PDB file of N, CA and C in Angstrom:
ATOM      1  N   MET A   1     105.852  54.364 132.085  1.00  0.00           N
ATOM      2  CA  MET A   1     106.989  55.205 132.399  1.00  0.00           C
ATOM      3  C   MET A   1     107.686  54.578 133.614  1.00  0.00           C
ATOM      4  N   LYS A   2     108.949  54.294 133.372  1.00  0.00           N
ATOM      5  CA  LYS A   2     109.780  53.747 134.400  1.00  0.00           C
ATOM      6  C   LYS A   2     110.528  54.714 135.191  1.00  0.00           C
ATOM      7  N   LYS A   3     110.564  54.575 136.501  1.00  0.00           N
ATOM      8  CA  LYS A   3     111.217  55.565 137.314  1.00  0.00           C
ATOM      9  C   LYS A   3     112.728  55.372 137.216  1.00  0.00           C
ATOM     10  N   ASN A   4     113.435  56.523 137.205  1.00  0.00           N
ATOM     11  CA  ASN A   4     114.890  56.429 137.050  1.00  0.00           C
ATOM     12  C   ASN A   4     115.614  57.513 137.844  1.00  0.00           C
ATOM     13  N   ILE A   5     114.896  58.169 138.813  1.00  0.00           N
ATOM     14  CA  ILE A   5     115.480  59.157 139.712  1.00  0.00           C
ATOM     15  C   ILE A   5     115.253  58.771 141.186  1.00  0.00           C
ATOM     16  N   ASN A   6     116.366  58.721 141.928  1.00  0.00           N
ATOM     17  CA  ASN A   6     116.315  58.362 143.393  1.00  0.00           C
ATOM     18  C   ASN A   6     115.793  59.567 144.238  1.00  0.00           C
ATOM     19  N   ARG A   7     115.600  59.334 145.462  1.00  0.00           N
ATOM     20  CA  ARG A   7     115.091  60.362 146.369  1.00  0.00           C
ATOM     21  C   ARG A   7     115.987  61.652 146.456  1.00  0.00           C
ATOM     22  N   SER A   8     117.217  61.497 146.570  1.00  0.00           N
ATOM     23  CA  SER A   8     118.118  62.702 146.701  1.00  0.00           C
ATOM     24  C   SER A   8     118.075  63.431 145.399  1.00  0.00           C
ATOM     25  N   GLY A   9     117.999  62.776 144.217  1.00  0.00           N
ATOM     26  CA  GLY A   9     117.966  63.433 142.971  1.00  0.00           C
ATOM     27  C   GLY A   9     116.667  64.173 142.817  1.00  0.00           C
ATOM     28  N   ARG A  10     115.624  63.625 143.294  1.00  0.00           N
ATOM     29  CA  ARG A  10     114.297  64.336 143.252  1.00  0.00           C
ATOM     30  C   ARG A  10     114.284  65.655 144.107  1.00  0.00           C
ATOM     31  N   ILE A  11     114.859  65.488 145.294  1.00  0.00           N
ATOM     32  CA  ILE A  11     114.998  66.690 146.178  1.00  0.00           C
ATOM     33  C   ILE A  11     115.819  67.792 145.526  1.00  0.00           C
ATOM     34  N   ALA A  12     116.978  67.361 145.017  1.00  0.00           N
ATOM     35  CA  ALA A  12     117.928  68.304 144.358  1.00  0.00           C
ATOM     36  C   ALA A  12     117.194  68.979 143.203  1.00  0.00           C
ATOM     37  N   ARG A  13     116.456  68.214 142.358  1.00  0.00           N
ATOM     38  CA  ARG A  13     115.854  68.787 141.226  1.00  0.00           C
ATOM     39  C   ARG A  13     114.738  69.793 141.683  1.00  0.00           C
ATOM     40  N   ALA A  14     113.987  69.398 142.655  1.00  0.00           N
ATOM     41  CA  ALA A  14     112.891  70.247 143.145  1.00  0.00           C
ATOM     42  C   ALA A  14     113.409  71.528 143.698  1.00  0.00           C
ATOM     43  N   VAL A  15     114.469  71.515 144.481  1.00  0.00           N
ATOM     44  CA  VAL A  15     115.042  72.745 145.102  1.00  0.00           C
ATOM     45  C   VAL A  15     115.569  73.641 144.008  1.00  0.00           C
ATOM     46  N   ILE A  16     116.321  73.069 143.001  1.00  0.00           N
ATOM     47  CA  ILE A  16     116.889  73.872 141.979  1.00  0.00           C
ATOM     48  C   ILE A  16     115.768  74.464 141.070  1.00  0.00           C
ATOM     49  N   GLY A  17     114.753  73.602 140.883  1.00  0.00           N
ATOM     50  CA  GLY A  17     113.651  74.110 140.003  1.00  0.00           C
ATOM     51  C   GLY A  17     112.844  75.190 140.628  1.00  0.00           C
ATOM     52  N   ILE A  18     112.648  75.083 141.881  1.00  0.00           N
ATOM     53  CA  ILE A  18     111.980  76.224 142.686  1.00  0.00           C
ATOM     54  C   ILE A  18     112.703  77.448 142.689  1.00  0.00           C
ATOM     55  N   ILE A  19     114.019  77.388 142.877  1.00  0.00           N
ATOM     56  CA  ILE A  19     114.983  78.537 142.915  1.00  0.00           C
ATOM     57  C   ILE A  19     114.933  79.125 141.440  1.00  0.00           C
ATOM     58  N   ALA A  20     115.010  78.395 140.394  1.00  0.00           N
ATOM     59  CA  ALA A  20     114.989  78.881 138.954  1.00  0.00           C
ATOM     60  C   ALA A  20     113.706  79.599 138.701  1.00  0.00           C
ATOM     61  N   VAL A  21     112.568  78.952 139.111  1.00  0.00           N
ATOM     62  CA  VAL A  21     111.224  79.593 138.846  1.00  0.00           C
ATOM     63  C   VAL A  21     111.116  80.882 139.613  1.00  0.00           C
ATOM     64  N   ALA A  22     111.513  80.860 140.837  1.00  0.00           N
ATOM     65  CA  ALA A  22     111.411  82.170 141.689  1.00  0.00           C
ATOM     66  C   ALA A  22     112.308  83.233 141.126  1.00  0.00           C
ATOM     67  N   LEU A  23     113.492  82.888 140.664  1.00  0.00           N
ATOM     68  CA  LEU A  23     114.346  83.962 140.087  1.00  0.00           C
ATOM     69  C   LEU A  23     113.734  84.498 138.751  1.00  0.00           C
ATOM     70  N   SER A  24     113.045  83.658 137.961  1.00  0.00           N
ATOM     71  CA  SER A  24     112.463  84.098 136.789  1.00  0.00           C
ATOM     72  C   SER A  24     111.221  84.995 137.006  1.00  0.00           C
ATOM     73  N   LEU A  25     110.530  84.671 138.027  1.00  0.00           N
ATOM     74  CA  LEU A  25     109.299  85.460 138.352  1.00  0.00           C
ATOM     75  C   LEU A  25     109.575  86.769 139.126  1.00  0.00           C
ATOM     76  N   THR A  26     110.702  86.844 139.735  1.00  0.00           N
ATOM     77  CA  THR A  26     111.024  88.061 140.471  1.00  0.00           C
ATOM     78  C   THR A  26     111.858  89.075 139.661  1.00  0.00           C
ATOM     79  N   ASP A  27     112.128  88.792 138.326  1.00  0.00           N
ATOM     80  CA  ASP A  27     112.898  89.589 137.452  1.00  0.00           C
ATOM     81  C   ASP A  27     114.250  89.896 138.074  1.00  0.00           C
ATOM     82  N   PHE A  28     114.946  88.911 138.556  1.00  0.00           N
ATOM     83  CA  PHE A  28     116.238  88.966 139.208  1.00  0.00           C
ATOM     84  C   PHE A  28     117.223  89.447 138.043  1.00  0.00           C
ATOM     85  N   PHE A  29     117.027  88.899 136.879  1.00  0.00           N
ATOM     86  CA  PHE A  29     117.815  89.339 135.778  1.00  0.00           C
ATOM     87  C   PHE A  29     116.959  90.244 134.847  1.00  0.00           C
ATOM     88  N   GLU A  30     117.647  91.186 134.272  1.00  0.00           N
ATOM     89  CA  GLU A  30     116.916  92.192 133.523  1.00  0.00           C
ATOM     90  C   GLU A  30     116.530  91.753 132.158  1.00  0.00           C
ATOM     91  N   ASP A  31     117.120  90.734 131.656  1.00  0.00           N
ATOM     92  CA  ASP A  31     116.938  90.225 130.279  1.00  0.00           C
ATOM     93  C   ASP A  31     115.683  89.239 130.330  1.00  0.00           C
ATOM     94  N   GLN A  32     114.736  89.500 129.470  1.00  0.00           N
ATOM     95  CA  GLN A  32     113.592  88.564 129.391  1.00  0.00           C
ATOM     96  C   GLN A  32     113.877  87.153 128.907  1.00  0.00           C
ATOM     97  N   ILE A  33     114.871  87.125 128.025  1.00  0.00           N
ATOM     98  CA  ILE A  33     115.239  85.780 127.525  1.00  0.00           C
ATOM     99  C   ILE A  33     115.728  84.858 128.598  1.00  0.00           C
ATOM    100  N   VAL A  34     116.497  85.474 129.518  1.00  0.00           N
ATOM    101  CA  VAL A  34     117.042  84.740 130.623  1.00  0.00           C
ATOM    102  C   VAL A  34     115.929  84.326 131.597  1.00  0.00           C
ATOM    103  N   ASP A  35     114.928  85.221 131.814  1.00  0.00           N
ATOM    104  CA  ASP A  35     113.830  84.950 132.616  1.00  0.00           C
ATOM    105  C   ASP A  35     112.978  83.727 132.140  1.00  0.00           C
ATOM    106  N   VAL A  36     112.724  83.773 130.768  1.00  0.00           N
ATOM    107  CA  VAL A  36     112.002  82.689 130.155  1.00  0.00           C
ATOM    108  C   VAL A  36     112.744  81.379 130.183  1.00  0.00           C
ATOM    109  N   GLY A  37     114.073  81.420 129.939  1.00  0.00           N
ATOM    110  CA  GLY A  37     114.893  80.293 130.058  1.00  0.00           C
ATOM    111  C   GLY A  37     114.909  79.681 131.423  1.00  0.00           C
ATOM    112  N   LEU A  38     115.008  80.482 132.422  1.00  0.00           N
ATOM    113  CA  LEU A  38     114.945  79.985 133.810  1.00  0.00           C
ATOM    114  C   LEU A  38     113.626  79.327 134.110  1.00  0.00           C
ATOM    115  N   LEU A  39     112.566  79.969 133.638  1.00  0.00           N
ATOM    116  CA  LEU A  39     111.201  79.527 133.891  1.00  0.00           C
ATOM    117  C   LEU A  39     111.057  78.098 133.237  1.00  0.00           C
ATOM    118  N   ILE A  40     111.445  77.932 132.004  1.00  0.00           N
ATOM    119  CA  ILE A  40     111.418  76.582 131.377  1.00  0.00           C
ATOM    120  C   ILE A  40     112.309  75.502 132.004  1.00  0.00           C
ATOM    121  N   ILE A  41     113.510  75.982 132.370  1.00  0.00           N
ATOM    122  CA  ILE A  41     114.376  74.928 133.028  1.00  0.00           C
ATOM    123  C   ILE A  41     113.748  74.616 134.437  1.00  0.00           C
ATOM    124  N   GLY A  42     113.315  75.511 135.164  1.00  0.00           N
ATOM    125  CA  GLY A  42     112.687  75.204 136.449  1.00  0.00           C
ATOM    126  C   GLY A  42     111.487  74.309 136.336  1.00  0.00           C
ATOM    127  N   ALA A  43     110.673  74.639 135.326  1.00  0.00           N
ATOM    128  CA  ALA A  43     109.472  73.805 135.141  1.00  0.00           C
ATOM    129  C   ALA A  43     109.759  72.386 134.763  1.00  0.00           C
ATOM    130  N   VAL A  44     110.758  72.214 133.895  1.00  0.00           N
ATOM    131  CA  VAL A  44     111.195  70.896 133.500  1.00  0.00           C
ATOM    132  C   VAL A  44     111.756  70.100 134.665  1.00  0.00           C
ATOM    133  N   LEU A  45     112.574  70.743 135.570  1.00  0.00           N
ATOM    134  CA  LEU A  45     113.145  70.126 136.679  1.00  0.00           C
ATOM    135  C   LEU A  45     112.026  69.762 137.725  1.00  0.00           C
ATOM    136  N   LEU A  46     111.041  70.597 137.933  1.00  0.00           N
ATOM    137  CA  LEU A  46     109.982  70.301 138.831  1.00  0.00           C
ATOM    138  C   LEU A  46     109.118  69.224 138.327  1.00  0.00           C
ATOM    139  N   ILE A  47     108.859  69.112 137.023  1.00  0.00           N
ATOM    140  CA  ILE A  47     108.097  68.001 136.474  1.00  0.00           C
ATOM    141  C   ILE A  47     108.835  66.645 136.611  1.00  0.00           C
ATOM    142  N   ALA A  48     110.130  66.732 136.358  1.00  0.00           N
ATOM    143  CA  ALA A  48     110.953  65.510 136.442  1.00  0.00           C
ATOM    144  C   ALA A  48     110.993  65.024 137.963  1.00  0.00           C
ATOM    145  N   ALA A  49     110.966  65.943 138.871  1.00  0.00           N
ATOM    146  CA  ALA A  49     110.990  65.563 140.249  1.00  0.00           C
ATOM    147  C   ALA A  49     109.697  64.931 140.667  1.00  0.00           C
ATOM    148  N   VAL A  50     108.591  65.497 140.173  1.00  0.00           N
ATOM    149  CA  VAL A  50     107.298  64.938 140.514  1.00  0.00           C
ATOM    150  C   VAL A  50     106.996  63.549 139.948  1.00  0.00           C
ATOM    151  N   VAL A  51     107.314  63.363 138.695  1.00  0.00           N
ATOM    152  CA  VAL A  51     107.089  62.084 137.989  1.00  0.00           C
ATOM    153  C   VAL A  51     108.207  61.044 138.117  1.00  0.00           C
ATOM    154  N   GLN A  52     109.327  61.442 138.763  1.00  0.00           N
ATOM    155  CA  GLN A  52     110.437  60.526 139.066  1.00  0.00           C
ATOM    156  C   GLN A  52     111.027  60.010 137.819  1.00  0.00           C
ATOM    157  N   MET A  53     110.989  60.665 136.751  1.00  0.00           N
ATOM    158  CA  MET A  53     111.556  60.135 135.465  1.00  0.00           C
ATOM    159  C   MET A  53     112.269  61.311 134.711  1.00  0.00           C
ATOM    160  N   CYS A  54     113.509  61.091 134.339  1.00  0.00           N
ATOM    161  CA  CYS A  54     114.244  62.089 133.620  1.00  0.00           C
ATOM    162  C   CYS A  54     114.479  61.440 132.195  1.00  0.00           C
ATOM    163  N   PRO A  55     113.993  62.308 131.162  1.00  0.00           N
ATOM    164  CA  PRO A  55     114.177  61.775 129.720  1.00  0.00           C
ATOM    165  C   PRO A  55     115.623  61.662 129.366  1.00  0.00           C
ATOM    166  N   LEU A  56     116.464  62.570 129.844  1.00  0.00           N
ATOM    167  CA  LEU A  56     117.880  62.516 129.503  1.00  0.00           C
ATOM    168  C   LEU A  56     118.534  61.177 130.071  1.00  0.00           C
ATOM    169  N   TYR A  57     118.158  60.867 131.361  1.00  0.00           N
ATOM    170  CA  TYR A  57     118.669  59.639 131.999  1.00  0.00           C
ATOM    171  C   TYR A  57     118.200  58.459 131.152  1.00  0.00           C
ATOM    172  N   HIS A  58     116.982  58.489 130.623  1.00  0.00           N
ATOM    173  CA  HIS A  58     116.378  57.344 129.847  1.00  0.00           C
ATOM    174  C   HIS A  58     117.263  57.174 128.554  1.00  0.00           C
ATOM    175  N   PHE A  59     117.598  58.211 127.895  1.00  0.00           N
ATOM    176  CA  PHE A  59     118.280  58.102 126.597  1.00  0.00           C
ATOM    177  C   PHE A  59     119.748  57.679 126.855  1.00  0.00           C
ATOM    178  N   LEU A  60     120.291  58.064 127.977  1.00  0.00           N
ATOM    179  CA  LEU A  60     121.614  57.724 128.316  1.00  0.00           C
ATOM    180  C   LEU A  60     121.805  56.377 129.008  1.00  0.00           C
ATOM    181  N   GLY A  61     120.703  55.827 129.386  1.00  0.00           N
ATOM    182  CA  GLY A  61     120.708  54.480 130.111  1.00  0.00           C
ATOM    183  C   GLY A  61     121.101  54.577 131.537  1.00  0.00           C
ATOM    184  N   ILE A  62     120.933  55.777 132.184  1.00  0.00           N
ATOM    185  CA  ILE A  62     121.278  55.921 133.592  1.00  0.00           C
ATOM    186  C   ILE A  62     120.019  55.694 134.414  1.00  0.00           C
ATOM    187  N   ASN A  63     120.178  54.945 135.495  1.00  0.00           N
ATOM    188  CA  ASN A  63     119.120  54.723 136.489  1.00  0.00           C
ATOM    189  C   ASN A  63     119.659  54.797 137.879  1.00  0.00           C
ATOM    190  N   THR A  64     119.213  55.751 138.661  1.00  0.00           N
ATOM    191  CA  THR A  64     119.655  55.890 140.025  1.00  0.00           C
ATOM    192  C   THR A  64     118.556  55.382 140.986  1.00  0.00           C
ATOM    193  N   TYR A  65     117.439  55.005 140.440  1.00  0.00           N
ATOM    194  CA  TYR A  65     116.262  54.528 141.313  1.00  0.00           C
ATOM    195  C   TYR A  65     116.489  53.090 141.564  1.00  0.00           C
ATOM    196  N   LYS A  66     116.682  52.704 142.763  1.00  0.00           N
ATOM    197  CA  LYS A  66     116.833  51.278 143.125  1.00  0.00           C
ATOM    198  C   LYS A  66     115.588  50.777 143.740  1.00  0.00           C
ATOM    199  N   THR A  67     115.140  49.642 143.352  1.00  0.00           N
ATOM    200  CA  THR A  67     113.986  48.999 144.002  1.00  0.00           C
ATOM    201  C   THR A  67     114.454  47.980 145.044  1.00  0.00           C
ATOM    202  N   LYS A  68     113.585  47.765 146.033  1.00  0.00           N
ATOM    203  CA  LYS A  68     113.863  46.832 147.094  1.00  0.00           C
ATOM    204  C   LYS A  68     113.489  45.433 146.591  1.00  0.00           C
ATOM    205  N   LYS A  69     114.390  44.485 146.745  1.00  0.00           N
ATOM    206  CA  LYS A  69     114.019  43.063 146.399  1.00  0.00           C
ATOM    207  C   LYS A  69     113.479  42.373 147.537  1.00  0.00           C
ATOM    208  N   ILE A  70     112.339  41.749 147.482  1.00  0.00           N
ATOM    209  CA  ILE A  70     111.685  41.006 148.477  1.00  0.00           C
ATOM    210  C   ILE A  70     112.173  39.558 148.424  1.00  0.00           C
ATOM    211  N   LYS A  71     112.752  39.094 149.559  1.00  0.00           N
ATOM    212  CA  LYS A  71     113.201  37.728 149.670  1.00  0.00           C
ATOM    213  C   LYS A  71     111.981  36.829 149.891  1.00  0.00           C
ATOM    214  N   MET A  72     111.948  35.782 149.124  1.00  0.00           N
ATOM    215  CA  MET A  72     110.905  34.708 149.278  1.00  0.00           C
ATOM    216  C   MET A  72     111.630  33.504 149.946  1.00  0.00           C
ATOM    217  N   TYR A  73     110.965  33.074 150.887  1.00  0.00           N
ATOM    218  CA  TYR A  73     111.501  31.838 151.710  1.00  0.00           C
ATOM    219  C   TYR A  73     111.130  30.636 151.079  1.00  0.00           C
TER     220      TYR A  73
END
């Protein structure tokens, strides 16, 4: 599995994922379908933040993760 999410992307996904999961668990919306949808979206965002890999980025060929190049003398 190749990393394709940079640090700021991981932080943004984690924050949005936590907010989505919290909203779904507190019944902020009265509709259960919305609660389940928020829970699924939040879980996917949190998993992507932890593993540093976004499947959508992979299929679209996007890579925001930059590796440091080591200079050899």
